[in-house]
Structure formats: C-alpha cells, structure tokens
Amino acid sequence: MQKYQCVCGYIYDPELGDPDSGIAPGTAFENLPDDWTCPICGVGKDMFSPID
C-alpha cells in the first residue's frame, strides 16, 4: 500500500494505521475519514503527497 507524507514530514504508513486516532492497521490513505488530520501538525489529507 502507498505511503503518504505530510508537509510537516509525518509519514502515514497504511500498514501501521494511526492507532492514536482510531485508524486500524491496513487502512489505505484513500479510506481515511475525510475529517482525519495529521497527528503531528493537524493539517488535512489534502496536504499529504504520495511517496515511494
């Protein structure tokens, strides 16, 4: 699954999810809730870019 990086440097790894925000491991970035925000800086999904 594709990883995504926030403008602040945080990397969302779908294999890990975001347990602190209730996002289960295995959740693709595209399937995150629309109101999910970066756990570090608080910006929305639109501020993330796919990375290799």
Protein backbone atom coordinates (compact mmCIF):
# COMPACT_ATOMS: atom_id res chain seq x y z
CA MET A 1 0.00 0.00 0.00
CA GLN A 2 1.06 3.55 -0.77
CA LYS A 3 2.61 5.71 1.97
CA TYR A 4 1.85 9.43 2.14
CA GLN A 5 3.92 12.24 3.60
CA CYS A 6 2.61 15.40 5.24
CA VAL A 7 4.13 18.82 4.65
CA CYS A 8 5.50 18.61 8.22
CA GLY A 9 7.34 15.37 7.48
CA TYR A 10 4.96 12.89 9.14
CA ILE A 11 4.53 9.74 7.08
CA TYR A 12 1.23 7.88 7.07
CA ASP A 13 2.01 4.19 6.67
CA PRO A 14 -1.15 2.18 5.96
CA GLU A 15 0.47 -0.96 7.36
CA LEU A 16 0.64 0.79 10.75
CA GLY A 17 -2.50 2.92 10.55
CA ASP A 18 -2.89 5.65 13.17
CA PRO A 19 -3.92 3.84 16.36
CA ASP A 20 -3.95 7.06 18.43
CA SER A 21 -6.69 8.37 16.11
CA GLY A 22 -8.59 5.09 15.95
CA ILE A 23 -7.32 4.16 12.46
CA ALA A 24 -6.69 0.42 12.23
CA PRO A 25 -3.58 -1.06 10.62
CA GLY A 26 -4.25 -1.90 6.98
CA THR A 27 -6.32 1.25 6.32
CA ALA A 28 -5.39 2.76 2.96
CA PHE A 29 -4.89 6.53 2.86
CA GLU A 30 -7.83 6.82 0.46
CA ASN A 31 -10.06 5.15 3.06
CA LEU A 32 -9.20 7.52 5.91
CA PRO A 33 -12.16 9.60 7.11
CA ASP A 34 -12.48 12.98 5.40
CA ASP A 35 -12.00 14.71 8.75
CA TRP A 36 -8.78 12.83 9.61
CA THR A 37 -5.84 15.18 10.21
CA CYS A 38 -2.11 14.81 10.62
CA PRO A 39 -1.40 13.70 14.20
CA ILE A 40 1.66 15.96 14.31
CA CYS A 41 0.60 19.30 12.80
CA GLY A 42 -3.18 18.95 12.32
CA VAL A 43 -3.47 19.65 8.58
CA GLY A 44 -5.96 17.81 6.39
CA LYS A 45 -5.43 14.98 3.93
CA ASP A 46 -5.06 17.44 1.06
CA MET A 47 -1.64 18.45 2.44
CA PHE A 48 -0.21 14.94 2.00
CA SER A 49 1.69 13.65 -1.01
CA PRO A 50 2.36 10.03 -2.06
CA ILE A 51 5.92 8.82 -1.54
CA ASP A 52 7.87 5.81 -2.80
